[in-house]
């Protein structure tokens, strides 16, 4: 991958000249749809918690944890949408709702996440890209890995043996890590935002601790976050830019066409169409699949875009190719 933050070879960028009219149509934010989807995720989380606590059996708690974890992944994708101003068309509403109901429950901040993420878009796969620097420092994100090494990686991820690496990288986006030193990572996490987080935390965690089911609620909400961030979100993240040729813009980011199970566990709301998102970040996730279909009619795009079918396909791509029997 290119370590230069400013120079790309001639012809690196994909021409967008013939897509302007379509992109304008696809870049409309559907406020009603997003509000409904956000309420739905929280309704599912609340229902899963209520059923698990009412039944009070270990298998039901485990099933509820899977359901809640999948909804937490949906919230994480919605945080990414809010970072781009695509959750709600009004910027103040977008950032406020994005913080209170999406980012804060994940111990993150829209404003903090946006700072690093916009740089990631401007300088993808270069040393100015925070995500790229994290990948270079983390041996878990060095590929290819053999089948045995992949199994070890997922075992360590499932049981949290490498979670500290995820937490260390995510501290840049966390209000807690930036509270006492608001300019720690080069962004002024201003006082009003810090106060807003404190008020939210007192209300949210205060209500949970006040509840007679406090430990069940904390476990049902926190444990799935831990597992999803370190297993399924890790798979989603490594699929986006790891193991790509990056000879041109079209193969510097990977699009994954998800299976039904992929959409439930890893890539809800079309987040797997990551190449399309990088090319046209003004397009909401709801329209990325349609955008992908249009771009595939362009022979240049179809011939050069890095497209993988399913996250199992990504894992296979990140393993050494099978040996060819000379006989």
Protein backbone atom coordinates (compact mmCIF):
# COMPACT_ATOMS: atom_id res chain seq x y z
CA UNK A 1 0.00 0.00 0.00
CA UNK A 2 1.09 3.54 -0.70
CA UNK A 3 2.54 5.33 2.33
CA UNK A 4 2.30 8.74 0.70
CA UNK A 5 -0.58 10.85 1.94
CA UNK A 6 -0.49 13.27 -0.95
CA UNK A 7 0.68 11.48 -4.07
CA UNK A 8 -1.18 8.91 -6.12
CA UNK A 9 -0.11 7.57 -9.51
CA UNK A 10 -1.75 9.01 -12.64
CA UNK A 11 -5.07 7.36 -13.33
CA UNK A 12 -5.52 6.23 -9.74
CA UNK A 13 -8.87 7.98 -9.23
CA UNK A 14 -12.07 6.63 -10.74
CA UNK A 15 -13.86 9.14 -12.95
CA UNK A 16 -17.17 10.31 -11.50
CA UNK A 17 -18.08 12.54 -14.46
CA UNK A 18 -21.06 10.50 -15.67
CA UNK A 19 -22.66 9.88 -12.26
CA UNK A 20 -23.49 13.36 -10.95
CA UNK A 21 -27.21 13.28 -11.77
CA UNK A 22 -27.67 9.82 -10.27
CA UNK A 23 -25.70 10.69 -7.13
CA UNK A 24 -27.87 13.74 -6.52
CA UNK A 25 -30.96 11.51 -6.60
CA UNK A 26 -29.40 8.87 -4.36
CA UNK A 27 -28.02 11.34 -1.80
CA UNK A 28 -31.41 12.19 -0.27
CA UNK A 29 -31.69 11.22 3.42
CA UNK A 30 -34.94 9.46 4.36
CA UNK A 31 -35.59 10.89 7.83
CA UNK A 32 -38.76 8.89 8.49
CA UNK A 33 -37.16 5.60 7.50
CA UNK A 34 -34.10 6.19 9.66
CA UNK A 35 -36.18 7.24 12.66
CA UNK A 36 -38.26 4.08 12.30
CA UNK A 37 -35.16 1.87 11.98
CA UNK A 38 -33.53 3.44 15.03
CA UNK A 39 -36.67 2.96 17.14
CA UNK A 40 -36.93 -0.61 15.87
CA UNK A 41 -33.41 -1.52 17.00
CA UNK A 42 -34.06 -0.24 20.50
CA UNK A 43 -37.46 -1.95 20.61
CA UNK A 44 -35.81 -5.26 19.71
CA UNK A 45 -33.11 -4.74 22.35
CA UNK A 46 -35.73 -3.91 25.00
CA UNK A 47 -37.89 -6.90 24.04
CA UNK A 48 -34.92 -9.29 24.10
CA UNK A 49 -33.94 -8.03 27.56
CA UNK A 50 -37.50 -8.32 28.87
CA UNK A 51 -38.01 -11.86 27.55
CA UNK A 52 -34.64 -13.08 28.87
CA UNK A 53 -35.23 -11.63 32.33
CA UNK A 54 -38.79 -12.97 32.47
CA UNK A 55 -37.83 -16.53 31.44
CA UNK A 56 -34.57 -16.38 33.44
CA UNK A 57 -32.88 -19.36 31.81
CA UNK A 58 -29.31 -19.53 30.54
CA UNK A 59 -30.18 -20.61 26.96
CA UNK A 60 -32.63 -17.70 26.67
CA UNK A 61 -30.02 -15.26 27.94
CA UNK A 62 -27.59 -16.59 25.32
CA UNK A 63 -30.14 -16.26 22.53
CA UNK A 64 -31.04 -12.75 23.71
CA UNK A 65 -27.34 -11.88 23.67
CA UNK A 66 -27.08 -12.91 20.01
CA UNK A 67 -30.11 -10.82 19.09
CA UNK A 68 -28.89 -7.80 21.09
CA UNK A 69 -25.40 -8.10 19.63
CA UNK A 70 -26.81 -8.03 16.11
CA UNK A 71 -28.75 -4.86 16.96
CA UNK A 72 -25.64 -3.31 18.48
CA UNK A 73 -23.96 -3.89 15.13
CA UNK A 74 -26.87 -2.01 13.55
CA UNK A 75 -26.28 0.89 15.96
CA UNK A 76 -22.59 0.91 15.03
CA UNK A 77 -23.50 1.20 11.35
CA UNK A 78 -25.97 3.99 12.17
CA UNK A 79 -23.18 5.80 14.00
CA UNK A 80 -21.17 5.68 10.78
CA UNK A 81 -24.19 7.09 8.91
CA UNK A 82 -24.53 9.89 11.50
CA UNK A 83 -20.83 10.66 11.17
CA UNK A 84 -21.48 11.47 7.51
CA UNK A 85 -24.65 13.42 8.31
CA UNK A 86 -26.79 10.72 6.71
CA UNK A 87 -28.90 9.67 9.69
CA UNK A 88 -31.04 12.83 9.59
CA UNK A 89 -30.93 15.65 7.08
CA UNK A 90 -30.84 18.34 9.79
CA UNK A 91 -27.24 18.43 11.05
CA UNK A 92 -28.10 19.36 14.65
CA UNK A 93 -30.75 16.66 14.89
CA UNK A 94 -28.40 14.19 13.21
CA UNK A 95 -25.62 14.82 15.72
CA UNK A 96 -27.84 15.01 18.80
CA UNK A 97 -29.85 11.85 18.07
CA UNK A 98 -26.70 10.16 16.80
CA UNK A 99 -24.97 10.79 20.12
CA UNK A 100 -27.83 10.09 22.53
CA UNK A 101 -29.24 6.94 20.93
CA UNK A 102 -26.38 5.54 18.85
CA UNK A 103 -22.85 6.60 19.82
CA UNK A 104 -23.10 7.16 23.58
CA UNK A 105 -24.55 3.68 24.25
CA UNK A 106 -21.45 2.32 22.49
CA UNK A 107 -19.20 4.57 24.63
CA UNK A 108 -18.32 6.65 21.56
CA UNK A 109 -18.98 10.18 20.26
CA UNK A 110 -20.14 11.28 16.82
CA UNK A 111 -17.90 14.36 16.92
CA UNK A 112 -14.80 12.43 17.96
CA UNK A 113 -15.41 9.65 15.46
CA UNK A 114 -16.03 12.13 12.64
CA UNK A 115 -12.62 13.79 13.04
CA UNK A 116 -10.62 10.63 12.37
CA UNK A 117 -13.09 9.18 9.89
CA UNK A 118 -13.04 12.18 7.55
CA UNK A 119 -9.24 11.93 7.41
CA UNK A 120 -9.64 8.23 6.63
CA UNK A 121 -11.75 9.18 3.60
CA UNK A 122 -9.33 11.84 2.37
CA UNK A 123 -6.19 9.75 2.84
CA UNK A 124 -7.35 6.14 2.60
CA UNK A 125 -4.58 3.53 2.92
CA UNK A 126 -1.86 6.08 3.69
CA UNK A 127 0.02 7.00 6.84
CA UNK A 128 -2.36 9.89 7.50
CA UNK A 129 -5.20 7.40 7.74
CA UNK A 130 -5.70 6.45 11.43
CA UNK A 131 -7.34 3.14 10.51
CA UNK A 132 -4.38 2.25 8.31
CA UNK A 133 -1.88 3.08 11.06
CA UNK A 134 -3.83 0.91 13.51
CA UNK A 135 -3.77 -1.99 11.05
CA UNK A 136 -0.02 -1.68 10.58
CA UNK A 137 0.60 -1.79 14.33
CA UNK A 138 -1.78 -4.64 15.10
CA UNK A 139 -0.40 -8.10 14.24
CA UNK A 140 -3.95 -9.47 14.28
CA UNK A 141 -4.58 -7.37 11.16
CA UNK A 142 -1.52 -8.57 9.26
CA UNK A 143 -2.42 -10.91 6.42
CA UNK A 144 -2.30 -13.42 4.83
CA UNK A 145 -2.79 -15.88 7.69
CA UNK A 146 -2.88 -19.63 7.43
CA UNK A 147 -5.98 -21.57 8.36
CA UNK A 148 -4.51 -22.34 11.77
CA UNK A 149 -3.60 -18.69 12.33
CA UNK A 150 -7.15 -17.64 11.38
CA UNK A 151 -8.61 -20.09 13.91
CA UNK A 152 -6.28 -18.76 16.60
CA UNK A 153 -7.29 -15.16 15.72
CA UNK A 154 -11.02 -15.91 16.02
CA UNK A 155 -10.52 -17.94 19.21
CA UNK A 156 -8.61 -15.07 20.82
CA UNK A 157 -11.22 -12.60 19.58
CA UNK A 158 -14.19 -14.63 20.86
CA UNK A 159 -12.71 -14.90 24.35
CA UNK A 160 -11.44 -11.32 24.45
CA UNK A 161 -7.74 -12.14 24.59
CA UNK A 162 -6.99 -9.37 22.08
CA UNK A 163 -9.80 -7.00 23.03
CA UNK A 164 -7.33 -4.53 24.49
CA UNK A 165 -6.18 -3.77 20.94
CA UNK A 166 -9.71 -2.84 19.86
CA UNK A 167 -10.19 -0.74 22.99
CA UNK A 168 -6.86 0.99 22.54
CA UNK A 169 -7.70 1.96 18.95
CA UNK A 170 -11.25 3.08 19.84
CA UNK A 171 -10.12 5.42 22.64
CA UNK A 172 -9.66 8.14 20.01
CA UNK A 173 -13.45 8.18 19.56
CA UNK A 174 -14.44 7.72 23.22
CA UNK A 175 -15.72 10.57 25.44
CA UNK A 176 -14.19 8.83 28.45
CA UNK A 177 -10.67 8.86 27.00
CA UNK A 178 -10.99 12.50 25.92
CA UNK A 179 -12.82 13.89 28.94
CA UNK A 180 -9.92 15.09 31.05
CA UNK A 181 -7.79 16.10 28.07
CA UNK A 182 -10.18 17.40 25.39
CA UNK A 183 -7.39 18.09 22.87
CA UNK A 184 -5.65 14.77 23.40
CA UNK A 185 -6.04 13.53 19.83
CA UNK A 186 -6.01 16.86 18.03
CA UNK A 187 -9.69 17.70 18.34
CA UNK A 188 -11.28 20.14 20.77
CA UNK A 189 -13.88 17.99 22.53
CA UNK A 190 -15.56 21.11 23.78
CA UNK A 191 -17.08 21.54 27.22
CA UNK A 192 -20.71 21.47 26.02
CA UNK A 193 -20.18 18.03 24.46
CA UNK A 194 -18.52 16.72 27.60
CA UNK A 195 -21.37 18.00 29.77
CA UNK A 196 -23.91 16.43 27.43
CA UNK A 197 -22.20 13.06 27.78
CA UNK A 198 -22.12 13.30 31.58
CA UNK A 199 -25.85 14.13 31.74
CA UNK A 200 -26.65 11.25 29.39
CA UNK A 201 -24.46 8.79 31.35
CA UNK A 202 -26.03 9.75 34.69
CA UNK A 203 -29.53 9.24 33.27
CA UNK A 204 -28.86 6.09 31.25
CA UNK A 205 -26.72 4.17 33.72
CA UNK A 206 -28.59 5.66 36.68
CA UNK A 207 -31.86 4.17 35.42
CA UNK A 208 -30.20 0.80 34.87
CA UNK A 209 -28.63 0.78 38.35
CA UNK A 210 -31.91 1.90 39.90
CA UNK A 211 -33.69 -1.06 38.30
CA UNK A 212 -34.08 -4.29 40.32
CA UNK A 213 -32.72 -6.13 37.24
CA UNK A 214 -29.57 -3.99 37.06
CA UNK A 215 -27.06 -6.83 36.69
CA UNK A 216 -29.11 -8.66 34.07
CA UNK A 217 -29.53 -5.46 32.05
CA UNK A 218 -25.86 -4.55 32.28
CA UNK A 219 -24.83 -8.06 31.26
CA UNK A 220 -27.31 -8.26 28.40
CA UNK A 221 -26.17 -4.92 27.00
CA UNK A 222 -22.43 -4.91 27.74
CA UNK A 223 -21.37 -8.51 27.05
CA UNK A 224 -22.75 -8.61 23.47
CA UNK A 225 -20.98 -5.30 22.78
CA UNK A 226 -17.73 -6.88 23.87
CA UNK A 227 -18.18 -9.95 21.63
CA UNK A 228 -19.56 -8.12 18.58
CA UNK A 229 -16.85 -5.44 18.64
CA UNK A 230 -14.09 -8.00 18.90
CA UNK A 231 -15.39 -10.69 16.52
CA UNK A 232 -17.99 -9.57 14.00
CA UNK A 233 -17.03 -5.92 13.76
CA UNK A 234 -13.40 -7.02 13.45
CA UNK A 235 -14.36 -9.13 10.42
CA UNK A 236 -16.27 -6.21 8.89
CA UNK A 237 -13.36 -3.82 9.48
CA UNK A 238 -10.67 -6.10 8.06
CA UNK A 239 -12.83 -6.70 4.97
CA UNK A 240 -12.86 -3.03 4.00
CA UNK A 241 -9.23 -2.26 3.17
CA UNK A 242 -7.02 -5.18 4.23
CA UNK A 243 -5.53 -7.42 1.56
CA UNK A 244 -6.41 -5.17 -1.39
CA UNK A 245 -4.03 -4.28 -4.21
CA UNK A 246 -4.62 -0.50 -3.98
CA UNK A 247 -3.13 0.03 -7.42
CA UNK A 248 -6.08 2.27 -8.23
CA UNK A 249 -9.07 3.66 -6.37
CA UNK A 250 -11.31 0.81 -7.50
CA UNK A 251 -9.16 -1.86 -5.85
CA UNK A 252 -8.12 0.12 -2.78
CA UNK A 253 -11.39 -0.68 -1.02
CA UNK A 254 -13.34 -3.93 -0.97
CA UNK A 255 -17.09 -4.29 -1.47
CA UNK A 256 -18.61 -7.42 0.06
CA UNK A 257 -21.90 -8.74 -1.30
CA UNK A 258 -23.36 -10.16 1.93
CA UNK A 259 -25.32 -13.33 2.52
CA UNK A 260 -28.45 -13.23 4.67
CA UNK A 261 -26.41 -14.40 7.68
CA UNK A 262 -23.77 -11.75 6.94
CA UNK A 263 -26.43 -9.06 7.02
CA UNK A 264 -27.66 -10.28 10.41
CA UNK A 265 -24.28 -10.72 12.11
CA UNK A 266 -21.79 -8.43 10.38
CA UNK A 267 -23.04 -6.06 7.69
CA UNK A 268 -26.55 -4.63 8.16
CA UNK A 269 -27.90 -1.69 6.19
CA UNK A 270 -25.67 -2.25 3.13
CA UNK A 271 -22.47 -1.36 5.00
CA UNK A 272 -20.64 -4.05 3.03
CA UNK A 273 -20.85 -1.90 -0.12
CA UNK A 274 -17.80 -0.08 1.08
CA UNK A 275 -16.17 0.77 -2.24
CA UNK A 276 -19.35 2.55 -3.33
CA UNK A 277 -19.38 4.41 -0.02
CA UNK A 278 -15.80 5.60 -0.50
CA UNK A 279 -16.46 6.71 -4.04
CA UNK A 280 -19.69 8.54 -3.12
CA UNK A 281 -19.86 9.16 0.66
CA UNK A 282 -22.91 11.42 0.28
CA UNK A 283 -25.08 8.41 -0.59
CA UNK A 284 -26.93 6.91 2.43
CA UNK A 285 -26.48 3.22 3.11
CA UNK A 286 -30.05 2.51 2.04
CA UNK A 287 -29.11 3.43 -1.55
CA UNK A 288 -25.69 1.82 -1.82
CA UNK A 289 -26.97 -1.44 -3.26
CA UNK A 290 -28.78 0.46 -6.01
CA UNK A 291 -25.62 2.49 -6.64
CA UNK A 292 -23.60 -0.71 -6.90
CA UNK A 293 -25.98 -2.05 -9.54
CA UNK A 294 -25.59 1.12 -11.60
CA UNK A 295 -21.80 1.14 -11.33
CA UNK A 296 -21.59 -2.47 -12.44
CA UNK A 297 -22.92 -1.38 -15.84
CA UNK A 298 -19.68 0.58 -16.32
CA UNK A 299 -17.09 -1.76 -17.89
CA UNK A 300 -14.20 0.05 -16.16
CA UNK A 301 -15.79 -0.36 -12.76
CA UNK A 302 -16.88 -3.95 -13.34
CA UNK A 303 -13.39 -4.95 -14.53
CA UNK A 304 -11.40 -3.28 -11.76
CA UNK A 305 -13.56 -3.04 -8.63
CA UNK A 306 -12.57 -5.33 -5.77
CA UNK A 307 -15.80 -7.22 -5.10
CA UNK A 308 -16.03 -10.27 -2.84
CA UNK A 309 -19.07 -12.47 -2.32
CA UNK A 310 -19.69 -13.08 1.37
CA UNK A 311 -17.46 -12.59 4.38
CA UNK A 312 -16.37 -16.20 4.12
CA UNK A 313 -14.98 -15.13 0.76
CA UNK A 314 -13.08 -12.31 2.48
CA UNK A 315 -11.54 -14.75 4.95
CA UNK A 316 -10.46 -16.99 2.07
CA UNK A 317 -8.88 -13.99 0.32
CA UNK A 318 -6.90 -13.20 3.47
CA UNK A 319 -5.40 -16.69 3.57
CA UNK A 320 -2.54 -17.93 1.38
CA UNK A 321 -3.68 -19.40 -1.95
CA UNK A 322 -3.84 -23.21 -1.96
CA UNK A 323 -0.70 -24.91 -3.11
CA UNK A 324 -0.80 -26.17 -6.69
CA UNK A 325 0.12 -29.82 -7.08
CA UNK A 326 2.84 -29.91 -9.76
CA UNK A 327 1.70 -33.38 -10.75
